[in-house]
Amino acid sequence: MSALDHLWCPACGWFGRRKRRRARDAADAALVAFHARLAAEVRAEREAERRRNGPLITLLDRNGVKIAGPLTAREFAEAGVMFG
């Protein structure tokens, strides 16, 4: 097959444009799938951390100004802060 025979190919399109578009679309889909897996992994790690250490707590004063946090309940207990 010569180069001139491949100017128009039903599968590849004119000058291989369909082929390149399909390859680009596949690469885009692979990148989206990679980032989706990465995000799911991060969410799972955060959930495991939350289950291991408990929820995050932030202390605010009466005016809503942040005093401390976000810290885990375990860190507050180690510092001597009691809730109840």
PDB file of N, CA and C in Angstrom:
ATOM      1  N   MET A   1       0.852  -1.170   0.000  1.00  0.00           N
ATOM      2  CA  MET A   1       0.000   0.000   0.000  1.00  0.00           C
ATOM      3  C   MET A   1       0.899   1.234   0.000  1.00  0.00           C
ATOM      4  N   SER A   2       0.663   2.116  -0.922  1.00  0.00           N
ATOM      5  CA  SER A   2       1.460   3.338  -0.999  1.00  0.00           C
ATOM      6  C   SER A   2       0.824   4.431  -0.148  1.00  0.00           C
ATOM      7  N   ALA A   3       1.554   5.518   0.005  1.00  0.00           N
ATOM      8  CA  ALA A   3       1.046   6.643   0.793  1.00  0.00           C
ATOM      9  C   ALA A   3      -0.196   7.241   0.142  1.00  0.00           C
ATOM     10  N   LEU A   4      -0.233   7.217  -1.180  1.00  0.00           N
ATOM     11  CA  LEU A   4      -1.396   7.768  -1.873  1.00  0.00           C
ATOM     12  C   LEU A   4      -2.631   6.901  -1.662  1.00  0.00           C
ATOM     13  N   ASP A   5      -2.441   5.608  -1.494  1.00  0.00           N
ATOM     14  CA  ASP A   5      -3.586   4.732  -1.236  1.00  0.00           C
ATOM     15  C   ASP A   5      -4.218   5.039   0.118  1.00  0.00           C
ATOM     16  N   HIS A   6      -3.447   5.616   1.008  1.00  0.00           N
ATOM     17  CA  HIS A   6      -3.947   5.841   2.358  1.00  0.00           C
ATOM     18  C   HIS A   6      -4.469   7.268   2.569  1.00  0.00           C
ATOM     19  N   LEU A   7      -4.566   8.056   1.503  1.00  0.00           N
ATOM     20  CA  LEU A   7      -5.160   9.384   1.653  1.00  0.00           C
ATOM     21  C   LEU A   7      -6.585   9.261   2.175  1.00  0.00           C
ATOM     22  N   TRP A   8      -7.333   8.308   1.631  1.00  0.00           N
ATOM     23  CA  TRP A   8      -8.697   8.081   2.102  1.00  0.00           C
ATOM     24  C   TRP A   8      -8.837   6.611   2.460  1.00  0.00           C
ATOM     25  N   CYS A   9      -8.994   6.365   3.736  1.00  0.00           N
ATOM     26  CA  CYS A   9      -9.226   5.018   4.234  1.00  0.00           C
ATOM     27  C   CYS A   9     -10.534   5.076   5.014  1.00  0.00           C
ATOM     28  N   PRO A  10     -11.470   4.165   4.778  1.00  0.00           N
ATOM     29  CA  PRO A  10     -12.744   4.213   5.501  1.00  0.00           C
ATOM     30  C   PRO A  10     -12.575   4.141   7.018  1.00  0.00           C
ATOM     31  N   ALA A  11     -11.569   3.420   7.471  1.00  0.00           N
ATOM     32  CA  ALA A  11     -11.364   3.278   8.915  1.00  0.00           C
ATOM     33  C   ALA A  11     -10.642   4.476   9.506  1.00  0.00           C
ATOM     34  N   CYS A  12      -9.701   5.040   8.753  1.00  0.00           N
ATOM     35  CA  CYS A  12      -8.853   6.114   9.296  1.00  0.00           C
ATOM     36  C   CYS A  12      -9.329   7.507   8.916  1.00  0.00           C
ATOM     37  N   GLY A  13     -10.128   7.619   7.865  1.00  0.00           N
ATOM     38  CA  GLY A  13     -10.589   8.923   7.412  1.00  0.00           C
ATOM     39  C   GLY A  13      -9.536   9.606   6.554  1.00  0.00           C
ATOM     40  N   TRP A  14      -9.851  10.817   6.130  1.00  0.00           N
ATOM     41  CA  TRP A  14      -8.907  11.572   5.313  1.00  0.00           C
ATOM     42  C   TRP A  14      -7.621  11.803   6.087  1.00  0.00           C
ATOM     43  N   PHE A  15      -6.509  11.402   5.503  1.00  0.00           N
ATOM     44  CA  PHE A  15      -5.161  11.600   6.049  1.00  0.00           C
ATOM     45  C   PHE A  15      -5.010  11.037   7.465  1.00  0.00           C
ATOM     46  N   GLY A  16      -5.832  10.073   7.830  1.00  0.00           N
ATOM     47  CA  GLY A  16      -5.720   9.445   9.148  1.00  0.00           C
ATOM     48  C   GLY A  16      -6.304  10.258  10.289  1.00  0.00           C
ATOM     49  N   ARG A  17      -7.150  11.216   9.953  1.00  0.00           N
ATOM     50  CA  ARG A  17      -7.704  12.084  11.008  1.00  0.00           C
ATOM     51  C   ARG A  17      -8.589  11.323  11.986  1.00  0.00           C
ATOM     52  N   ARG A  18      -9.408  10.403  11.508  1.00  0.00           N
ATOM     53  CA  ARG A  18     -10.260   9.612  12.416  1.00  0.00           C
ATOM     54  C   ARG A  18      -9.407   8.786  13.373  1.00  0.00           C
ATOM     55  N   LYS A  19      -8.359   8.203  12.814  1.00  0.00           N
ATOM     56  CA  LYS A  19      -7.467   7.372  13.636  1.00  0.00           C
ATOM     57  C   LYS A  19      -6.836   8.203  14.752  1.00  0.00           C
ATOM     58  N   ARG A  20      -6.351   9.396  14.404  1.00  0.00           N
ATOM     59  CA  ARG A  20      -5.737  10.261  15.418  1.00  0.00           C
ATOM     60  C   ARG A  20      -6.764  10.740  16.439  1.00  0.00           C
ATOM     61  N   ARG A  21      -7.978  11.039  15.986  1.00  0.00           N
ATOM     62  CA  ARG A  21      -9.026  11.472  16.915  1.00  0.00           C
ATOM     63  C   ARG A  21      -9.388  10.348  17.880  1.00  0.00           C
ATOM     64  N   ARG A  22      -9.513   9.114  17.362  1.00  0.00           N
ATOM     65  CA  ARG A  22      -9.808   7.982  18.240  1.00  0.00           C
ATOM     66  C   ARG A  22      -8.687   7.778  19.251  1.00  0.00           C
ATOM     67  N   ALA A  23      -7.444   7.920  18.809  1.00  0.00           N
ATOM     68  CA  ALA A  23      -6.313   7.767  19.732  1.00  0.00           C
ATOM     69  C   ALA A  23      -6.333   8.869  20.792  1.00  0.00           C
ATOM     70  N   ARG A  24      -6.633  10.094  20.379  1.00  0.00           N
ATOM     71  CA  ARG A  24      -6.698  11.211  21.328  1.00  0.00           C
ATOM     72  C   ARG A  24      -7.845  11.013  22.321  1.00  0.00           C
ATOM     73  N   ASP A  25      -8.999  10.568  21.831  1.00  0.00           N
ATOM     74  CA  ASP A  25     -10.138  10.309  22.721  1.00  0.00           C
ATOM     75  C   ASP A  25      -9.823   9.199  23.716  1.00  0.00           C
ATOM     76  N   ALA A  26      -9.130   8.161  23.255  1.00  0.00           N
ATOM     77  CA  ALA A  26      -8.748   7.068  24.157  1.00  0.00           C
ATOM     78  C   ALA A  26      -7.767   7.558  25.212  1.00  0.00           C
ATOM     79  N   ALA A  27      -6.821   8.405  24.810  1.00  0.00           N
ATOM     80  CA  ALA A  27      -5.863   8.954  25.778  1.00  0.00           C
ATOM     81  C   ALA A  27      -6.576   9.840  26.799  1.00  0.00           C
ATOM     82  N   ASP A  28      -7.534  10.645  26.341  1.00  0.00           N
ATOM     83  CA  ASP A  28      -8.304  11.489  27.264  1.00  0.00           C
ATOM     84  C   ASP A  28      -9.104  10.641  28.248  1.00  0.00           C
ATOM     85  N   ALA A  29      -9.733   9.579  27.746  1.00  0.00           N
ATOM     86  CA  ALA A  29     -10.517   8.700  28.621  1.00  0.00           C
ATOM     87  C   ALA A  29      -9.617   8.010  29.643  1.00  0.00           C
ATOM     88  N   ALA A  30      -8.423   7.614  29.221  1.00  0.00           N
ATOM     89  CA  ALA A  30      -7.490   6.974  30.149  1.00  0.00           C
ATOM     90  C   ALA A  30      -7.048   7.955  31.228  1.00  0.00           C
ATOM     91  N   LEU A  31      -6.824   9.207  30.859  1.00  0.00           N
ATOM     92  CA  LEU A  31      -6.413  10.215  31.835  1.00  0.00           C
ATOM     93  C   LEU A  31      -7.533  10.490  32.842  1.00  0.00           C
ATOM     94  N   VAL A  32      -8.764  10.572  32.358  1.00  0.00           N
ATOM     95  CA  VAL A  32      -9.908  10.780  33.256  1.00  0.00           C
ATOM     96  C   VAL A  32     -10.045   9.597  34.206  1.00  0.00           C
ATOM     97  N   ALA A  33      -9.895   8.382  33.688  1.00  0.00           N
ATOM     98  CA  ALA A  33      -9.995   7.188  34.536  1.00  0.00           C
ATOM     99  C   ALA A  33      -8.882   7.165  35.581  1.00  0.00           C
ATOM    100  N   PHE A  34      -7.674   7.566  35.188  1.00  0.00           N
ATOM    101  CA  PHE A  34      -6.555   7.611  36.133  1.00  0.00           C
ATOM    102  C   PHE A  34      -6.862   8.565  37.282  1.00  0.00           C
ATOM    103  N   HIS A  35      -7.338   9.761  36.952  1.00  0.00           N
ATOM    104  CA  HIS A  35      -7.620  10.743  37.994  1.00  0.00           C
ATOM    105  C   HIS A  35      -8.820  10.327  38.845  1.00  0.00           C
ATOM    106  N   ALA A  36      -9.788   9.641  38.259  1.00  0.00           N
ATOM    107  CA  ALA A  36     -10.919   9.138  39.048  1.00  0.00           C
ATOM    108  C   ALA A  36     -10.438   8.097  40.056  1.00  0.00           C
ATOM    109  N   ARG A  37      -9.535   7.195  39.626  1.00  0.00           N
ATOM    110  CA  ARG A  37      -8.985   6.201  40.558  1.00  0.00           C
ATOM    111  C   ARG A  37      -8.165   6.882  41.643  1.00  0.00           C
ATOM    112  N   LEU A  38      -7.392   7.894  41.272  1.00  0.00           N
ATOM    113  CA  LEU A  38      -6.584   8.625  42.245  1.00  0.00           C
ATOM    114  C   LEU A  38      -7.476   9.317  43.275  1.00  0.00           C
ATOM    115  N   ALA A  39      -8.550   9.946  42.828  1.00  0.00           N
ATOM    116  CA  ALA A  39      -9.474  10.616  43.750  1.00  0.00           C
ATOM    117  C   ALA A  39     -10.151   9.609  44.671  1.00  0.00           C
ATOM    118  N   ALA A  40     -10.540   8.454  44.135  1.00  0.00           N
ATOM    119  CA  ALA A  40     -11.165   7.423  44.968  1.00  0.00           C
ATOM    120  C   ALA A  40     -10.187   6.912  46.017  1.00  0.00           C
ATOM    121  N   GLU A  41      -8.931   6.773  45.639  1.00  0.00           N
ATOM    122  CA  GLU A  41      -7.908   6.322  46.591  1.00  0.00           C
ATOM    123  C   GLU A  41      -7.714   7.342  47.715  1.00  0.00           C
ATOM    124  N   VAL A  42      -7.679   8.618  47.370  1.00  0.00           N
ATOM    125  CA  VAL A  42      -7.518   9.670  48.377  1.00  0.00           C
ATOM    126  C   VAL A  42      -8.725   9.697  49.306  1.00  0.00           C
ATOM    127  N   ARG A  43      -9.941   9.571  48.746  1.00  0.00           N
ATOM    128  CA  ARG A  43     -11.138   9.538  49.590  1.00  0.00           C
ATOM    129  C   ARG A  43     -11.109   8.348  50.535  1.00  0.00           C
ATOM    130  N   ALA A  44     -10.663   7.199  50.047  1.00  0.00           N
ATOM    131  CA  ALA A  44     -10.589   6.010  50.899  1.00  0.00           C
ATOM    132  C   ALA A  44      -9.562   6.201  52.012  1.00  0.00           C
ATOM    133  N   GLU A  45      -8.419   6.804  51.693  1.00  0.00           N
ATOM    134  CA  GLU A  45      -7.402   7.066  52.717  1.00  0.00           C
ATOM    135  C   GLU A  45      -7.922   8.036  53.771  1.00  0.00           C
ATOM    136  N   ARG A  46      -8.628   9.075  53.336  1.00  0.00           N
ATOM    137  CA  ARG A  46      -9.183  10.040  54.291  1.00  0.00           C
ATOM    138  C   ARG A  46     -10.228   9.386  55.184  1.00  0.00           C
ATOM    139  N   GLU A  47     -11.057   8.523  54.603  1.00  0.00           N
ATOM    140  CA  GLU A  47     -12.072   7.821  55.387  1.00  0.00           C
ATOM    141  C   GLU A  47     -11.415   6.896  56.401  1.00  0.00           C
ATOM    142  N   ALA A  48     -10.370   6.190  55.998  1.00  0.00           N
ATOM    143  CA  ALA A  48      -9.659   5.305  56.927  1.00  0.00           C
ATOM    144  C   ALA A  48      -9.015   6.116  58.049  1.00  0.00           C
ATOM    145  N   GLU A  49      -8.458   7.262  57.717  1.00  0.00           N
ATOM    146  CA  GLU A  49      -7.851   8.145  58.727  1.00  0.00           C
ATOM    147  C   GLU A  49      -8.920   8.638  59.702  1.00  0.00           C
ATOM    148  N   ARG A  50     -10.089   9.015  59.159  1.00  0.00           N
ATOM    149  CA  ARG A  50     -11.173   9.497  60.017  1.00  0.00           C
ATOM    150  C   ARG A  50     -11.661   8.388  60.944  1.00  0.00           C
ATOM    151  N   ARG A  51     -11.792   7.190  60.421  1.00  0.00           N
ATOM    152  CA  ARG A  51     -12.238   6.073  61.261  1.00  0.00           C
ATOM    153  C   ARG A  51     -11.202   5.730  62.322  1.00  0.00           C
ATOM    154  N   ARG A  52      -9.935   5.854  61.982  1.00  0.00           N
ATOM    155  CA  ARG A  52      -8.869   5.521  62.922  1.00  0.00           C
ATOM    156  C   ARG A  52      -8.751   6.577  64.022  1.00  0.00           C
ATOM    157  N   ASN A  53      -8.853   7.844  63.676  1.00  0.00           N
ATOM    158  CA  ASN A  53      -8.607   8.927  64.629  1.00  0.00           C
ATOM    159  C   ASN A  53      -9.868   9.631  65.105  1.00  0.00           C
ATOM    160  N   GLY A  54     -10.999   9.327  64.542  1.00  0.00           N
ATOM    161  CA  GLY A  54     -12.222  10.019  64.918  1.00  0.00           C
ATOM    162  C   GLY A  54     -12.414  11.272  64.083  1.00  0.00           C
ATOM    163  N   PRO A  55     -13.540  11.944  64.279  1.00  0.00           N
ATOM    164  CA  PRO A  55     -13.830  13.131  63.470  1.00  0.00           C
ATOM    165  C   PRO A  55     -12.918  14.303  63.832  1.00  0.00           C
ATOM    166  N   LEU A  56     -12.802  15.228  62.906  1.00  0.00           N
ATOM    167  CA  LEU A  56     -12.029  16.441  63.165  1.00  0.00           C
ATOM    168  C   LEU A  56     -12.902  17.449  63.904  1.00  0.00           C
ATOM    169  N   ILE A  57     -12.301  18.145  64.867  1.00  0.00           N
ATOM    170  CA  ILE A  57     -13.023  19.099  65.706  1.00  0.00           C
ATOM    171  C   ILE A  57     -12.297  20.436  65.640  1.00  0.00           C
ATOM    172  N   THR A  58     -13.061  21.507  65.516  1.00  0.00           N
ATOM    173  CA  THR A  58     -12.514  22.855  65.554  1.00  0.00           C
ATOM    174  C   THR A  58     -13.218  23.610  66.671  1.00  0.00           C
ATOM    175  N   LEU A  59     -12.463  24.251  67.550  1.00  0.00           N
ATOM    176  CA  LEU A  59     -13.049  25.038  68.637  1.00  0.00           C
ATOM    177  C   LEU A  59     -13.189  26.486  68.195  1.00  0.00           C
ATOM    178  N   LEU A  60     -14.371  27.060  68.468  1.00  0.00           N
ATOM    179  CA  LEU A  60     -14.649  28.454  68.151  1.00  0.00           C
ATOM    180  C   LEU A  60     -15.060  29.166  69.430  1.00  0.00           C
ATOM    181  N   ASP A  61     -14.765  30.467  69.510  1.00  0.00           N
ATOM    182  CA  ASP A  61     -15.236  31.228  70.667  1.00  0.00           C
ATOM    183  C   ASP A  61     -16.669  31.687  70.405  1.00  0.00           C
ATOM    184  N   ARG A  62     -17.211  32.521  71.297  1.00  0.00           N
ATOM    185  CA  ARG A  62     -18.608  32.951  71.175  1.00  0.00           C
ATOM    186  C   ARG A  62     -18.864  33.773  69.920  1.00  0.00           C
ATOM    187  N   ASN A  63     -17.836  34.418  69.413  1.00  0.00           N
ATOM    188  CA  ASN A  63     -17.981  35.248  68.219  1.00  0.00           C
ATOM    189  C   ASN A  63     -17.737  34.464  66.932  1.00  0.00           C
ATOM    190  N   GLY A  64     -17.465  33.180  67.065  1.00  0.00           N
ATOM    191  CA  GLY A  64     -17.222  32.358  65.887  1.00  0.00           C
ATOM    192  C   GLY A  64     -15.800  32.414  65.386  1.00  0.00           C
ATOM    193  N   VAL A  65     -14.896  32.940  66.213  1.00  0.00           N
ATOM    194  CA  VAL A  65     -13.488  33.014  65.829  1.00  0.00           C
ATOM    195  C   VAL A  65     -12.814  31.698  66.196  1.00  0.00           C
ATOM    196  N   LYS A  66     -12.035  31.194  65.286  1.00  0.00           N
ATOM    197  CA  LYS A  66     -11.376  29.908  65.489  1.00  0.00           C
ATOM    198  C   LYS A  66     -10.329  30.008  66.590  1.00  0.00           C
ATOM    199  N   ILE A  67     -10.427  29.099  67.566  1.00  0.00           N
ATOM    200  CA  ILE A  67      -9.461  29.040  68.662  1.00  0.00           C
ATOM    201  C   ILE A  67      -8.426  27.958  68.387  1.00  0.00           C
ATOM    202  N   ALA A  68      -8.895  26.784  68.027  1.00  0.00           N
ATOM    203  CA  ALA A  68      -7.999  25.658  67.780  1.00  0.00           C
ATOM    204  C   ALA A  68      -8.635  24.723  66.773  1.00  0.00           C
ATOM    205  N   GLY A  69      -7.791  23.979  66.072  1.00  0.00           N
ATOM    206  CA  GLY A  69      -8.282  22.945  65.182  1.00  0.00           C
ATOM    207  C   GLY A  69      -7.960  23.250  63.742  1.00  0.00           C
ATOM    208  N   PRO A  70      -8.331  22.401  62.860  1.00  0.00           N
ATOM    209  CA  PRO A  70      -9.026  21.152  63.133  1.00  0.00           C
ATOM    210  C   PRO A  70      -8.084  20.094  63.717  1.00  0.00           C
ATOM    211  N   LEU A  71      -8.503  19.513  64.797  1.00  0.00           N
ATOM    212  CA  LEU A  71      -7.759  18.450  65.464  1.00  0.00           C
ATOM    213  C   LEU A  71      -8.685  17.258  65.655  1.00  0.00           C
ATOM    214  N   THR A  72      -8.092  16.101  65.849  1.00  0.00           N
ATOM    215  CA  THR A  72      -8.907  14.918  66.114  1.00  0.00           C
ATOM    216  C   THR A  72      -9.317  14.912  67.576  1.00  0.00           C
ATOM    217  N   ALA A  73     -10.352  14.144  67.883  1.00  0.00           N
ATOM    218  CA  ALA A  73     -10.805  14.025  69.268  1.00  0.00           C
ATOM    219  C   ALA A  73      -9.685  13.472  70.144  1.00  0.00           C
ATOM    220  N   ARG A  74      -8.892  12.583  69.601  1.00  0.00           N
ATOM    221  CA  ARG A  74      -7.769  12.011  70.344  1.00  0.00           C
ATOM    222  C   ARG A  74      -6.735  13.093  70.692  1.00  0.00           C
ATOM    223  N   GLU A  75      -6.445  13.986  69.766  1.00  0.00           N
ATOM    224  CA  GLU A  75      -5.491  15.062  70.036  1.00  0.00           C
ATOM    225  C   GLU A  75      -6.024  16.017  71.102  1.00  0.00           C
ATOM    226  N   PHE A  76      -7.331  16.306  71.058  1.00  0.00           N
ATOM    227  CA  PHE A  76      -7.915  17.143  72.101  1.00  0.00           C
ATOM    228  C   PHE A  76      -7.829  16.454  73.455  1.00  0.00           C
ATOM    229  N   ALA A  77      -8.110  15.161  73.505  1.00  0.00           N
ATOM    230  CA  ALA A  77      -8.049  14.419  74.769  1.00  0.00           C
ATOM    231  C   ALA A  77      -6.621  14.392  75.311  1.00  0.00           C
ATOM    232  N   GLU A  78      -5.639  14.229  74.434  1.00  0.00           N
ATOM    233  CA  GLU A  78      -4.241  14.227  74.870  1.00  0.00           C
ATOM    234  C   GLU A  78      -3.836  15.587  75.423  1.00  0.00           C
ATOM    235  N   ALA A  79      -4.466  16.662  74.932  1.00  0.00           N
ATOM    236  CA  ALA A  79      -4.161  18.007  75.417  1.00  0.00           C
ATOM    237  C   ALA A  79      -4.922  18.333  76.697  1.00  0.00           C
ATOM    238  N   GLY A  80      -5.814  17.451  77.130  1.00  0.00           N
ATOM    239  CA  GLY A  80      -6.555  17.667  78.365  1.00  0.00           C
ATOM    240  C   GLY A  80      -7.879  18.367  78.186  1.00  0.00           C
ATOM    241  N   VAL A  81      -8.329  18.555  76.949  1.00  0.00           N
ATOM    242  CA  VAL A  81      -9.616  19.196  76.697  1.00  0.00           C
ATOM    243  C   VAL A  81     -10.698  18.132  76.837  1.00  0.00           C
ATOM    244  N   MET A  82     -11.689  18.413  77.667  1.00  0.00           N
ATOM    245  CA  MET A  82     -12.769  17.454  77.909  1.00  0.00           C
ATOM    246  C   MET A  82     -14.054  18.000  77.296  1.00  0.00           C
ATOM    247  N   PHE A  83     -14.854  17.121  76.758  1.00  0.00           N
ATOM    248  CA  PHE A  83     -16.140  17.493  76.181  1.00  0.00           C
ATOM    249  C   PHE A  83     -17.234  16.880  77.024  1.00  0.00           C
ATOM    250  N   GLY A  84     -18.346  17.547  77.086  1.00  0.00           N
ATOM    251  CA  GLY A  84     -19.437  16.920  77.805  1.00  0.00           C
ATOM    252  C   GLY A  84     -20.395  17.841  78.346  1.00  0.00           C
TER     253      GLY A  84
END
